[in-house]
């Protein structure tokens, strides 16, 4: 509605003029107000509705460009904290199988009387020579002591190291090794280590060290060790027939393989197997590769017939060239099975 629709002739001239001005002003103010409601920040009018403000649903985070858990500021506000989500359990780590432990039976050389005698020990590969010497230092077990086995090595002796080069094993032992004892004891403990180490085919001789220092004269007896030594240097501590297998306490079945070394008259001797009933299960003659002052080797298979299973005995003996009587040179206690 504008002023041009008024009829000026219907009012007195002075009053009509003032009334028309007031009316025009009254009509103009609402129009200005209406125009102001439609303007933006620059004063220009806009036909597009204002974008609604995102407030989110109460208790639910407002979704932003990255979803409900998007970065801060990407969504709206929330009037309640969102529910916590339990973290996924860690993936199970597949079990890694441990490497199989390889073991083998080695021999340690104890004393039976004044001579060396083989006894079995279980050692872990590949450091078998080291394991065998350590087992030797532990001494005989109860069964072996009950069957006359002993050691000349002082209790508490420790193996510091064992190295092998050019078929010579250098054995470094603690100072306890050369404590006490006479000449026989000193030679016997040397022989025990030498026979134990040289049981392995790649070890031919042994050099000794005490607390890391090479030994040239051993013990108070002054046993000369100015070079590596082998089994032949301790022939006097080997029985005339040294049975290397079977060893003390082992179980055997028929037929049984028996091997070792011998130094007998004309290289001949006999092997007898006694079963748990005390009966002779086998008695066979054996000829070594050499004898009469030269040690030879032997390796035979002996069939036997046992009455029952149990504790038995392998006896090595020879017949005296003077009167033909049997002379026992060594015995090996066994479990004899049929």
Protein backbone atom coordinates (compact mmCIF):
# COMPACT_ATOMS: atom_id res chain seq x y z
CA UNK A 1 0.00 0.00 0.00
CA UNK A 2 1.49 3.34 -1.02
CA UNK A 3 0.59 7.02 -0.48
CA UNK A 4 -0.41 7.49 -4.06
CA UNK A 5 -3.68 5.66 -3.37
CA UNK A 6 -4.85 8.31 -0.84
CA UNK A 7 -7.30 10.87 -1.82
CA UNK A 8 -5.76 14.26 -0.80
CA UNK A 9 -9.06 16.18 -1.37
CA UNK A 10 -10.82 14.28 1.44
CA UNK A 11 -8.81 16.00 4.24
CA UNK A 12 -8.20 19.63 5.14
CA UNK A 13 -5.07 21.01 3.59
CA UNK A 14 -2.87 21.64 6.71
CA UNK A 15 -4.08 18.70 8.68
CA UNK A 16 -4.05 16.49 5.68
CA UNK A 17 -0.45 17.30 5.01
CA UNK A 18 0.71 16.36 8.53
CA UNK A 19 -1.43 13.25 8.59
CA UNK A 20 -0.08 12.14 5.28
CA UNK A 21 3.50 12.47 6.50
CA UNK A 22 2.84 10.49 9.67
CA UNK A 23 1.07 7.81 7.76
CA UNK A 24 3.86 7.55 5.24
CA UNK A 25 6.39 7.18 8.00
CA UNK A 26 4.34 4.51 9.72
CA UNK A 27 4.02 2.55 6.53
CA UNK A 28 7.69 2.90 5.62
CA UNK A 29 9.13 1.45 8.89
CA UNK A 30 7.58 -2.00 8.49
CA UNK A 31 8.88 -2.15 4.93
CA UNK A 32 12.40 -1.34 6.09
CA UNK A 33 12.17 -3.95 8.78
CA UNK A 34 10.99 -6.54 6.29
CA UNK A 35 13.83 -5.67 3.94
CA UNK A 36 16.36 -6.00 6.78
CA UNK A 37 15.14 -9.52 7.57
CA UNK A 38 16.03 -10.65 4.07
CA UNK A 39 19.54 -9.23 3.87
CA UNK A 40 22.85 -11.01 4.40
CA UNK A 41 26.05 -9.75 5.97
CA UNK A 42 26.59 -7.35 3.02
CA UNK A 43 23.12 -6.00 2.94
CA UNK A 44 22.20 -7.85 -0.29
CA UNK A 45 19.00 -9.88 -0.23
CA UNK A 46 19.05 -13.66 -0.59
CA UNK A 47 16.34 -15.97 -1.84
CA UNK A 48 18.07 -19.20 -0.51
CA UNK A 49 17.10 -20.33 3.01
CA UNK A 50 19.85 -20.30 5.61
CA UNK A 51 21.57 -23.68 6.11
CA UNK A 52 20.26 -25.44 9.22
CA UNK A 53 22.71 -25.94 12.11
CA UNK A 54 23.65 -29.56 12.69
CA UNK A 55 23.28 -30.49 16.31
CA UNK A 56 23.20 -34.28 16.13
CA UNK A 57 20.85 -36.62 17.89
CA UNK A 58 21.19 -36.60 21.67
CA UNK A 59 23.50 -39.43 22.79
CA UNK A 60 24.84 -39.94 19.26
CA UNK A 61 27.93 -38.20 17.86
CA UNK A 62 27.18 -35.98 14.90
CA UNK A 63 28.48 -37.49 11.70
CA UNK A 64 31.20 -35.62 9.91
CA UNK A 65 33.01 -36.30 6.65
CA UNK A 66 34.91 -39.18 8.24
CA UNK A 67 31.93 -40.82 9.87
CA UNK A 68 30.85 -40.85 13.52
CA UNK A 69 34.43 -41.20 14.71
CA UNK A 70 35.87 -38.62 12.35
CA UNK A 71 38.30 -35.89 13.40
CA UNK A 72 37.30 -33.21 15.89
CA UNK A 73 35.26 -30.42 14.33
CA UNK A 74 34.03 -32.58 11.44
CA UNK A 75 30.68 -33.13 13.07
CA UNK A 76 28.40 -31.32 15.49
CA UNK A 77 28.16 -31.53 19.23
CA UNK A 78 26.81 -34.29 21.41
CA UNK A 79 24.84 -33.89 24.61
CA UNK A 80 25.85 -37.36 25.96
CA UNK A 81 29.11 -39.35 25.86
CA UNK A 82 29.31 -42.09 23.27
CA UNK A 83 29.39 -45.74 24.39
CA UNK A 84 32.97 -47.09 24.71
CA UNK A 85 33.98 -49.90 22.37
CA UNK A 86 36.15 -52.74 23.78
CA UNK A 87 39.43 -53.10 21.86
CA UNK A 88 39.79 -56.23 19.77
CA UNK A 89 41.94 -58.89 21.42
CA UNK A 90 45.45 -59.19 19.95
CA UNK A 91 45.91 -61.81 17.31
CA UNK A 92 47.26 -65.05 18.68
CA UNK A 93 50.96 -65.51 17.94
CA UNK A 94 51.52 -68.86 16.30
CA UNK A 95 53.63 -71.18 18.44
CA UNK A 96 57.17 -71.57 17.14
CA UNK A 97 58.34 -75.15 17.67
CA UNK A 98 61.59 -75.36 19.59
CA UNK A 99 64.41 -77.14 17.81
CA UNK A 100 64.60 -80.80 18.65
CA UNK A 101 67.33 -81.63 21.14
CA UNK A 102 69.65 -84.27 19.70
CA UNK A 103 71.30 -86.60 22.16
CA UNK A 104 73.63 -89.52 21.84
CA UNK A 105 75.29 -92.07 24.04
CA UNK A 106 78.93 -91.34 24.76
CA UNK A 107 81.48 -93.16 26.88
CA UNK A 108 83.36 -91.99 29.93
CA UNK A 109 86.29 -93.95 31.28
CA UNK A 110 86.21 -94.75 34.96
CA UNK A 111 88.61 -96.99 36.84
CA UNK A 112 88.06 -100.66 37.54
CA UNK A 113 90.89 -101.45 39.89
CA UNK A 114 93.93 -99.87 38.26
CA UNK A 115 92.63 -99.96 34.71
CA UNK A 116 90.22 -97.85 32.68
CA UNK A 117 86.70 -99.12 32.04
CA UNK A 118 83.98 -97.66 29.79
CA UNK A 119 80.63 -96.46 31.15
CA UNK A 120 77.74 -94.91 29.17
CA UNK A 121 76.56 -91.31 29.42
CA UNK A 122 73.91 -89.34 27.50
CA UNK A 123 75.24 -86.10 26.01
CA UNK A 124 73.72 -83.37 23.82
CA UNK A 125 74.93 -82.99 20.26
CA UNK A 126 76.92 -81.42 18.72
CA UNK A 127 79.27 -80.66 21.66
CA UNK A 128 79.58 -84.33 22.50
CA UNK A 129 83.26 -84.43 23.46
CA UNK A 130 82.79 -81.48 25.81
CA UNK A 131 79.70 -83.13 27.29
CA UNK A 132 81.49 -86.44 27.75
CA UNK A 133 84.43 -84.87 29.62
CA UNK A 134 82.03 -82.92 31.85
CA UNK A 135 80.16 -86.15 32.58
CA UNK A 136 83.46 -87.84 33.43
CA UNK A 137 84.27 -85.14 35.98
CA UNK A 138 80.97 -85.90 37.76
CA UNK A 139 82.31 -89.36 38.65
CA UNK A 140 80.63 -92.78 38.83
CA UNK A 141 76.97 -93.20 39.73
CA UNK A 142 75.64 -95.45 42.48
CA UNK A 143 75.28 -98.50 40.24
CA UNK A 144 78.83 -98.13 38.95
CA UNK A 145 80.28 -97.68 42.44
CA UNK A 146 78.43 -100.81 43.53
CA UNK A 147 80.22 -102.69 40.74
CA UNK A 148 83.71 -101.55 41.63
CA UNK A 149 84.02 -98.46 39.45
CA UNK A 150 85.85 -95.38 40.78
CA UNK A 151 87.70 -92.26 39.62
CA UNK A 152 91.08 -90.66 40.32
CA UNK A 153 89.85 -87.18 39.33
CA UNK A 154 89.40 -84.92 42.39
CA UNK A 155 85.83 -83.90 43.17
CA UNK A 156 85.13 -80.30 42.17
CA UNK A 157 87.31 -80.32 39.05
CA UNK A 158 85.74 -78.09 36.39
CA UNK A 159 86.14 -78.18 32.61
CA UNK A 160 86.97 -74.63 31.52
CA UNK A 161 87.05 -75.36 27.79
CA UNK A 162 87.72 -78.00 25.17
CA UNK A 163 88.91 -77.05 21.70
CA UNK A 164 89.78 -79.28 18.76
CA UNK A 165 92.37 -78.54 16.10
CA UNK A 166 94.08 -80.97 13.76
CA UNK A 167 92.79 -83.97 15.73
CA UNK A 168 94.26 -82.65 18.99
CA UNK A 169 91.82 -81.78 21.77
CA UNK A 170 93.10 -79.10 24.12
CA UNK A 171 91.42 -79.68 27.49
CA UNK A 172 91.58 -76.79 29.95
CA UNK A 173 90.74 -77.86 33.52
CA UNK A 174 90.54 -76.00 36.81
CA UNK A 175 93.42 -76.10 39.29
CA UNK A 176 91.61 -78.72 41.36
CA UNK A 177 92.55 -81.34 38.74
CA UNK A 178 96.20 -81.63 39.83
CA UNK A 179 95.55 -81.63 43.59
CA UNK A 180 96.92 -84.46 45.73
CA UNK A 181 97.64 -88.08 44.83
CA UNK A 182 100.73 -90.05 43.97
CA UNK A 183 102.17 -91.06 40.64
CA UNK A 184 99.56 -93.76 39.92
CA UNK A 185 96.66 -91.44 40.74
CA UNK A 186 98.09 -88.68 38.57
CA UNK A 187 98.57 -90.99 35.59
CA UNK A 188 95.15 -92.55 36.08
CA UNK A 189 93.32 -89.21 35.99
CA UNK A 190 95.22 -88.23 32.86
CA UNK A 191 94.33 -91.56 31.25
CA UNK A 192 90.63 -91.12 32.12
CA UNK A 193 90.47 -87.82 30.23
CA UNK A 194 92.56 -89.10 27.31
CA UNK A 195 90.45 -92.25 26.82
CA UNK A 196 87.19 -90.30 27.13
CA UNK A 197 88.20 -87.67 24.56
CA UNK A 198 89.81 -90.10 22.10
CA UNK A 199 86.69 -92.26 22.05
CA UNK A 200 85.57 -89.77 19.39
CA UNK A 201 87.13 -90.66 16.02
CA UNK A 202 88.23 -87.09 15.22
CA UNK A 203 90.26 -86.83 18.43
CA UNK A 204 93.63 -88.62 18.32
CA UNK A 205 95.58 -86.94 21.12
CA UNK A 206 95.01 -84.59 24.05
CA UNK A 207 96.92 -81.52 25.26
CA UNK A 208 96.31 -80.37 28.84
CA UNK A 209 95.97 -76.90 30.32
CA UNK A 210 95.36 -75.88 33.93
CA UNK A 211 93.53 -72.57 34.45
CA UNK A 212 94.36 -71.57 30.89
CA UNK A 213 98.09 -72.33 31.07
CA UNK A 214 99.69 -75.20 29.09
CA UNK A 215 100.92 -78.06 31.28
CA UNK A 216 104.49 -79.24 30.72
CA UNK A 217 104.96 -81.17 33.98
CA UNK A 218 101.87 -82.50 35.74
CA UNK A 219 101.47 -82.64 39.52
CA UNK A 220 104.05 -82.96 42.23
CA UNK A 221 105.34 -86.12 40.56
CA UNK A 222 106.42 -84.08 37.55
CA UNK A 223 104.78 -86.27 34.88
CA UNK A 224 106.14 -84.89 31.61
CA UNK A 225 103.49 -83.53 29.25
CA UNK A 226 105.68 -81.66 26.78
CA UNK A 227 103.53 -82.88 23.87
CA UNK A 228 99.94 -84.04 23.25
CA UNK A 229 99.38 -87.59 24.53
CA UNK A 230 97.25 -90.48 23.31
CA UNK A 231 96.05 -93.89 24.46
CA UNK A 232 99.34 -95.60 23.68
CA UNK A 233 100.99 -93.42 26.36
CA UNK A 234 98.85 -95.16 28.99
CA UNK A 235 99.10 -98.79 27.86
CA UNK A 236 99.86 -99.84 31.42
CA UNK A 237 96.46 -98.49 32.50
CA UNK A 238 94.55 -100.43 29.83
CA UNK A 239 93.39 -103.97 30.69
CA UNK A 240 94.70 -106.77 28.49
CA UNK A 241 91.20 -106.85 26.96
CA UNK A 242 89.44 -103.48 26.96
CA UNK A 243 85.74 -103.96 26.16
CA UNK A 244 84.50 -100.68 24.65
CA UNK A 245 80.98 -101.98 23.99
CA UNK A 246 78.72 -103.02 25.59
CA UNK A 247 79.41 -100.72 28.52
CA UNK A 248 78.76 -101.03 32.24
CA UNK A 249 75.06 -101.38 33.07
CA UNK A 250 73.72 -101.54 29.52
CA UNK A 251 71.02 -103.99 28.39
CA UNK A 252 71.84 -106.53 25.69
CA UNK A 253 69.87 -108.93 23.50
CA UNK A 254 71.05 -111.97 21.56
CA UNK A 255 73.10 -111.73 19.47
CA UNK A 256 75.23 -109.02 21.07
CA UNK A 257 78.00 -107.10 19.34
CA UNK A 258 81.19 -106.87 21.42
CA UNK A 259 84.10 -104.70 20.34
CA UNK A 260 87.22 -103.15 21.81
CA UNK A 261 90.98 -103.65 21.92
CA UNK A 262 93.28 -106.34 23.26
CA UNK A 263 96.92 -107.06 23.90
CA UNK A 264 97.16 -110.76 24.76
CA UNK A 265 99.51 -113.63 23.97
CA UNK A 266 99.17 -114.42 20.28
CA UNK A 267 96.16 -112.04 20.19
CA UNK A 268 93.73 -114.70 21.42
CA UNK A 269 91.29 -114.56 24.35
CA UNK A 270 87.72 -115.60 25.23
CA UNK A 271 84.41 -113.91 26.03
CA UNK A 272 81.88 -115.45 28.38
CA UNK A 273 78.31 -114.27 29.02
CA UNK A 274 76.61 -115.28 32.26
CA UNK A 275 72.84 -114.83 32.61
CA UNK A 276 70.68 -113.89 35.62
CA UNK A 277 70.51 -117.54 36.72
CA UNK A 278 74.32 -117.69 36.92
CA UNK A 279 74.51 -120.02 33.95
CA UNK A 280 76.90 -119.63 31.03
CA UNK A 281 74.84 -118.35 28.10
CA UNK A 282 77.83 -118.14 25.71
CA UNK A 283 81.59 -118.75 25.72
CA UNK A 284 83.45 -117.94 22.50
CA UNK A 285 87.04 -117.57 21.37
CA UNK A 286 88.20 -114.25 19.84
CA UNK A 287 91.30 -113.27 17.91
CA UNK A 288 92.32 -109.60 17.84
CA UNK A 289 94.15 -107.96 14.96
CA UNK A 290 97.43 -108.12 16.89
CA UNK A 291 98.84 -109.11 20.28
CA UNK A 292 101.92 -110.15 22.22
CA UNK A 293 103.05 -106.63 23.04
CA UNK A 294 101.07 -104.82 20.35
CA UNK A 295 97.49 -103.79 21.02
CA UNK A 296 95.03 -104.81 18.34
CA UNK A 297 91.29 -104.43 17.89
CA UNK A 298 88.38 -106.88 17.78
CA UNK A 299 84.72 -106.70 16.78
CA UNK A 300 82.57 -109.84 17.09
CA UNK A 301 78.90 -110.77 17.28
CA UNK A 302 78.09 -113.29 20.00
CA UNK A 303 74.83 -115.27 20.02
CA UNK A 304 73.75 -116.53 23.44
CA UNK A 305 70.89 -118.36 25.15
CA UNK A 306 69.77 -116.96 28.51
CA UNK A 307 67.45 -118.81 30.91
CA UNK A 308 65.83 -115.61 32.14
CA UNK A 309 66.21 -111.84 31.97
CA UNK A 310 68.14 -109.97 34.61
CA UNK A 311 71.57 -109.00 35.90
CA UNK A 312 74.34 -110.77 34.03
CA UNK A 313 78.06 -110.48 33.35
CA UNK A 314 80.40 -110.29 30.39
CA UNK A 315 83.83 -111.68 31.23
CA UNK A 316 86.96 -111.31 29.13
CA UNK A 317 89.67 -113.86 29.94
CA UNK A 318 92.48 -115.85 28.41
CA UNK A 319 93.93 -119.24 29.06
CA UNK A 320 97.35 -119.17 30.69
CA UNK A 321 100.04 -120.35 28.28
CA UNK A 322 101.80 -121.94 31.26
CA UNK A 323 99.11 -124.15 32.71
CA UNK A 324 95.93 -123.48 30.71
CA UNK A 325 94.00 -121.96 33.61
CA UNK A 326 91.59 -119.09 32.86
CA UNK A 327 92.92 -115.63 33.71
CA UNK A 328 90.21 -112.97 34.00
CA UNK A 329 91.29 -109.61 32.62
CA UNK A 330 88.04 -107.63 32.88
CA UNK A 331 84.33 -107.95 33.64
CA UNK A 332 81.39 -105.81 32.49
CA UNK A 333 78.12 -105.99 34.46
CA UNK A 334 75.09 -106.01 32.13
CA UNK A 335 71.36 -106.60 32.01
CA UNK A 336 71.11 -109.77 29.94
CA UNK A 337 67.83 -110.27 28.08
CA UNK A 338 66.70 -113.30 26.16
